[in-house]
Structure formats: C-alpha cells, structure tokens
Amino acid sequence: CVGELSKTGAKVFSHVIPAGEKSKNLNTVANIYRELISHKFDRNCALAALGGGVVGDITGFAAATYMRGIPFIQIPTSLLSQADSSIGGKTGVDFEGNKNMVGAFYQPCFVYINVNTLRTLPKRELVSGLAEVIKHGLIQDRDFYEYISYNMDKIFGFDEQVLLYITKMNLRIKGNVVSQDETEKGLRSILNFGHTIGHAVESVSGFSMLHGEC
C-alpha cells in the first residue's frame, strides 16, 4: 500500500499497530500522535486507515483530534469494516474496559473498498463481519436479508458479484440512515440493533471475542 500511494507523488510513512481490539486505546492513539509529530505532519497531510474496523476507528479518531482535525481516508479490508465501521463517521477507542467510550463523529474524505481483500480473512473474521450485514437486512430490508440467507455458500466462496452486491446494499442502507441522523440523535440508533448486549459481552470477555460474535 505504501508503494501504491507513493506513486501519486506523495511522501508516505507507515505506522503498524498490533491486530485486535486490545490495541483500541488511547495509548495507541498517543503513539500515532508521536509519529505524526516526528514527521512534521500538518493540516496539509492526511491519514489512510488500511485494515479492519479497529484500525479505521483508531485512525479516524487520531485524524479528528490531531491539530484539531486533518483529512483521512478509509481502506477497509475486513467484511465488518466494509459493511459497517468504515461508513458513517464514527471514530473512537475503548477506555478502561468500556467499548467506544472516547471518540468523535468525523467523516473520511472517501472510502475505498475492494472486496477481494476478504479472501485474506480467516473464516472466523468473515463470520463476524456477516453479523453486521445480516443486521442491516433485519432492520431495513427483508429482501436483502433473504438474499444473504440464499447466497451464504457464495459469500463463503468469495463470489465477487455477490460480495459487490452485498457491499452496495450495506452502503445504501447505512448511508440512508446516517444521512438523516449523522450524530445519532434518534434514527441512527437503529444501527445499534444487537449492540447493547453485544458491547457488554465484548467488555466482559476482555475483548477476547470478536465484535460480530458478541
């Protein structure tokens, strides 16, 4: 990714964080700040989040708060992040065992989704991501929910056309809700269907279980 971005003529630096929810904390964000300061990042610079939902949430929060806000882009590589977390502008980290307790609403400049990255996922991660996909069907589109059920084998077989359709439907459903209630004053709360219990289970498990599983 660094090589591809460098082809644009931009000066590119990479910062790698350990995988998993346990990295989603203020210490990780502080390390990103230190990296940005060391390379003299200013408001003419941008961050790119390449990875799953944890990476996207952390990067978005760092971008929202560094120098009171610099641009960032989302490049989600997991089904969970492609279906949900990369869209809508929610950023943040966990705090003292509490899920997403510190954060900000901060929209990316754009989101780039390539469904072929899903081929790199272990089955457990793919199943976890499907929880958000199914949720969108349950809350707003019965036909989409039935499409998911009917095409489950093709999803796990990485059928590109099925994955593209699922991605487009997820973006349509979530985008429609967020455009009406960006900062979750009312309608957007329907996107949290299953999350009240889910977040509690995540916290109690010490984040040993995946978001979609919870």
Protein backbone atom coordinates (compact mmCIF):
# COMPACT_ATOMS: atom_id res chain seq x y z
CA CYS A 1 0.00 0.00 0.00
CA VAL A 2 2.86 2.38 0.80
CA GLY A 3 4.30 1.73 -2.66
CA GLU A 4 0.99 2.36 -4.41
CA LEU A 5 0.34 5.59 -2.51
CA SER A 6 3.89 6.74 -3.21
CA LYS A 7 3.15 6.53 -6.93
CA THR A 8 0.88 9.55 -6.51
CA GLY A 9 3.92 11.64 -5.72
CA ALA A 10 3.04 11.93 -2.05
CA LYS A 11 5.57 11.31 0.70
CA VAL A 12 4.26 8.26 2.57
CA PHE A 13 5.04 6.89 6.02
CA SER A 14 3.59 3.74 7.59
CA HIS A 15 2.70 3.05 11.21
CA VAL A 16 1.71 -0.53 12.11
CA ILE A 17 -0.33 -1.40 15.21
CA PRO A 18 -0.89 -4.85 16.73
CA ALA A 19 -4.06 -6.51 15.45
CA GLY A 20 -7.15 -6.78 17.60
CA GLU A 21 -9.42 -4.86 19.94
CA LYS A 22 -6.77 -4.66 22.65
CA SER A 23 -4.94 -2.06 20.54
CA LYS A 24 -8.02 0.18 20.51
CA ASN A 25 -6.98 2.54 23.30
CA LEU A 26 -5.57 6.00 23.96
CA ASN A 27 -2.01 4.68 24.22
CA THR A 28 -2.17 3.57 20.60
CA VAL A 29 -3.51 6.96 19.57
CA ALA A 30 -0.73 8.68 21.54
CA ASN A 31 1.85 6.64 19.62
CA ILE A 32 0.27 7.79 16.36
CA TYR A 33 0.46 11.42 17.52
CA ARG A 34 4.18 10.95 18.28
CA GLU A 35 4.75 9.50 14.82
CA LEU A 36 2.90 12.38 13.16
CA ILE A 37 4.84 14.97 15.14
CA SER A 38 8.17 13.28 14.37
CA HIS A 39 7.42 13.53 10.64
CA LYS A 40 6.14 17.11 10.99
CA PHE A 41 2.59 16.34 9.81
CA ASP A 42 0.37 19.40 9.41
CA ARG A 43 -3.14 20.11 8.14
CA ASN A 44 -2.00 19.59 4.55
CA CYS A 45 -1.29 15.94 5.35
CA ALA A 46 -3.71 13.02 5.55
CA LEU A 47 -4.02 9.64 7.23
CA ALA A 48 -5.04 6.42 5.47
CA ALA A 49 -6.55 3.58 7.51
CA LEU A 50 -5.65 0.26 5.89
CA GLY A 51 -7.14 -2.61 7.86
CA GLY A 52 -10.23 -3.66 9.75
CA GLY A 53 -12.63 -1.78 11.97
CA VAL A 54 -10.17 -1.31 14.82
CA VAL A 55 -7.64 0.35 12.51
CA GLY A 56 -10.34 2.54 10.96
CA ASP A 57 -11.73 3.67 14.32
CA ILE A 58 -8.29 4.48 15.73
CA THR A 59 -7.07 6.26 12.61
CA GLY A 60 -10.26 8.27 12.33
CA PHE A 61 -10.03 9.38 15.94
CA ALA A 62 -6.37 10.34 15.56
CA ALA A 63 -7.24 12.34 12.42
CA ALA A 64 -10.17 14.04 14.16
CA THR A 65 -8.05 15.19 17.09
CA TYR A 66 -4.58 15.82 15.66
CA MET A 67 -4.19 19.58 15.11
CA ARG A 68 -7.99 19.78 15.62
CA GLY A 69 -8.59 17.69 12.52
CA ILE A 70 -6.73 16.54 9.42
CA PRO A 71 -8.13 14.60 6.42
CA PHE A 72 -8.25 10.81 6.42
CA ILE A 73 -9.40 8.02 4.13
CA GLN A 74 -10.75 4.58 4.91
CA ILE A 75 -9.42 1.47 3.14
CA PRO A 76 -11.31 -1.30 4.96
CA THR A 77 -10.05 -4.85 4.44
CA SER A 78 -12.45 -6.89 6.61
CA LEU A 79 -16.13 -7.62 6.00
CA LEU A 80 -17.03 -6.00 9.31
CA SER A 81 -15.32 -2.73 8.38
CA GLN A 82 -16.53 -2.76 4.77
CA ALA A 83 -20.13 -3.36 5.82
CA ASP A 84 -20.28 -1.02 8.75
CA SER A 85 -17.48 0.72 10.62
CA SER A 86 -15.83 2.48 7.65
CA ILE A 87 -19.12 4.21 6.80
CA GLY A 88 -20.83 6.87 8.87
CA GLY A 89 -18.06 8.83 10.54
CA LYS A 90 -17.95 7.15 13.96
CA THR A 91 -14.40 7.07 15.30
CA GLY A 92 -13.03 6.25 18.73
CA VAL A 93 -11.33 3.95 21.18
CA ASP A 94 -12.19 1.86 24.21
CA PHE A 95 -11.44 3.23 27.67
CA GLU A 96 -10.81 1.18 30.82
CA GLY A 97 -12.80 -1.77 29.52
CA ASN A 98 -15.65 0.33 28.16
CA LYS A 99 -16.35 -0.09 24.45
CA ASN A 100 -16.03 3.03 22.24
CA MET A 101 -16.21 5.32 25.26
CA VAL A 102 -13.94 8.04 23.79
CA GLY A 103 -14.48 9.21 20.24
CA ALA A 104 -15.78 11.70 17.72
CA PHE A 105 -18.04 11.93 14.70
CA TYR A 106 -15.58 12.64 11.89
CA GLN A 107 -16.19 11.76 8.26
CA PRO A 108 -13.44 10.37 6.00
CA CYS A 109 -12.69 12.15 2.73
CA PHE A 110 -13.58 8.93 0.94
CA VAL A 111 -13.82 5.18 1.44
CA TYR A 112 -12.14 2.71 -0.92
CA ILE A 113 -13.50 -0.84 -0.77
CA ASN A 114 -12.01 -3.80 -2.63
CA VAL A 115 -13.99 -6.94 -1.84
CA ASN A 116 -11.11 -9.18 -2.90
CA THR A 117 -9.33 -8.30 0.35
CA LEU A 118 -11.89 -10.55 2.05
CA ARG A 119 -10.06 -13.56 0.59
CA THR A 120 -7.28 -12.89 3.12
CA LEU A 121 -9.61 -13.32 6.11
CA PRO A 122 -9.87 -16.40 8.32
CA LYS A 123 -13.39 -17.84 8.37
CA ARG A 124 -13.99 -16.62 11.93
CA GLU A 125 -13.46 -12.99 10.84
CA LEU A 126 -15.74 -13.44 7.84
CA VAL A 127 -18.49 -14.86 10.08
CA SER A 128 -18.05 -11.95 12.49
CA GLY A 129 -18.48 -9.45 9.65
CA LEU A 130 -21.64 -11.18 8.47
CA ALA A 131 -23.31 -10.18 11.74
CA GLU A 132 -23.37 -6.53 10.61
CA VAL A 133 -24.51 -7.49 7.11
CA ILE A 134 -27.40 -9.52 8.49
CA LYS A 135 -28.24 -6.70 10.92
CA HIS A 136 -28.77 -4.27 8.05
CA GLY A 137 -31.19 -6.68 6.41
CA LEU A 138 -33.08 -7.22 9.64
CA ILE A 139 -33.56 -3.54 10.42
CA GLN A 140 -34.45 -2.24 6.97
CA ASP A 141 -34.62 -4.66 4.04
CA ARG A 142 -36.29 -8.06 4.21
CA ASP A 143 -35.38 -8.87 0.60
CA PHE A 144 -31.72 -8.19 1.35
CA TYR A 145 -31.87 -10.41 4.43
CA GLU A 146 -33.34 -13.23 2.34
CA TYR A 147 -30.70 -12.65 -0.35
CA ILE A 148 -27.97 -13.12 2.27
CA SER A 149 -29.57 -16.35 3.50
CA TYR A 150 -29.94 -17.69 -0.04
CA ASN A 151 -26.35 -16.83 -1.05
CA MET A 152 -24.47 -17.91 2.08
CA ASP A 153 -22.41 -20.50 0.19
CA LYS A 154 -21.39 -17.93 -2.40
CA ILE A 155 -20.37 -15.48 0.31
CA PHE A 156 -18.04 -18.05 1.86
CA GLY A 157 -16.89 -18.98 -1.64
CA PHE A 158 -15.88 -15.34 -2.21
CA ASP A 159 -18.15 -14.88 -5.22
CA GLU A 160 -17.13 -11.39 -6.34
CA GLN A 161 -20.51 -10.38 -7.77
CA VAL A 162 -22.35 -11.45 -4.61
CA LEU A 163 -19.83 -9.63 -2.42
CA LEU A 164 -20.11 -6.49 -4.55
CA TYR A 165 -23.91 -6.56 -4.32
CA ILE A 166 -23.77 -7.05 -0.55
CA THR A 167 -21.33 -4.15 -0.22
CA LYS A 168 -23.53 -1.83 -2.27
CA MET A 169 -26.64 -2.77 -0.26
CA ASN A 170 -24.85 -2.24 3.06
CA LEU A 171 -23.67 1.19 1.94
CA ARG A 172 -27.15 2.11 0.70
CA ILE A 173 -28.86 1.10 3.94
CA LYS A 174 -26.34 2.63 6.30
CA GLY A 175 -25.80 5.72 4.15
CA ASN A 176 -29.54 6.38 4.07
CA VAL A 177 -29.78 6.24 7.87
CA VAL A 178 -26.64 8.28 8.55
CA SER A 179 -27.61 11.00 6.06
CA GLN A 180 -30.76 11.59 8.10
CA ASP A 181 -29.13 11.46 11.55
CA GLU A 182 -25.34 11.76 11.39
CA THR A 183 -24.71 12.27 15.11
CA GLU A 184 -27.19 9.68 16.39
CA LYS A 185 -29.83 11.88 17.96
CA GLY A 186 -32.61 9.48 17.02
CA LEU A 187 -32.97 7.33 13.88
CA ARG A 188 -29.33 6.24 13.69
CA SER A 189 -29.76 4.29 16.91
CA ILE A 190 -31.43 1.52 14.86
CA LEU A 191 -27.95 0.69 13.55
CA ASN A 192 -27.10 -0.38 17.11
CA PHE A 193 -29.55 -3.29 16.90
CA GLY A 194 -27.90 -6.07 18.91
CA HIS A 195 -25.10 -3.82 20.08
CA THR A 196 -26.31 -3.01 23.61
CA ILE A 197 -25.86 -6.63 24.64
CA GLY A 198 -23.01 -7.13 22.19
CA HIS A 199 -20.84 -4.36 23.61
CA ALA A 200 -21.43 -5.63 27.15
CA VAL A 201 -20.36 -9.14 26.15
CA GLU A 202 -17.25 -7.75 24.48
CA SER A 203 -16.27 -5.86 27.62
CA VAL A 204 -16.93 -8.77 29.97
CA SER A 205 -14.93 -11.11 27.72
CA GLY A 206 -11.98 -8.73 27.91
CA PHE A 207 -12.34 -8.29 24.15
CA SER A 208 -11.33 -11.91 23.59
CA MET A 209 -14.45 -12.40 21.44
CA LEU A 210 -14.98 -10.71 18.08
CA HIS A 211 -17.46 -7.87 17.68
CA GLY A 212 -19.76 -9.78 15.35
CA GLU A 213 -19.76 -12.83 17.58
CA CYS A 214 -20.89 -10.74 20.54
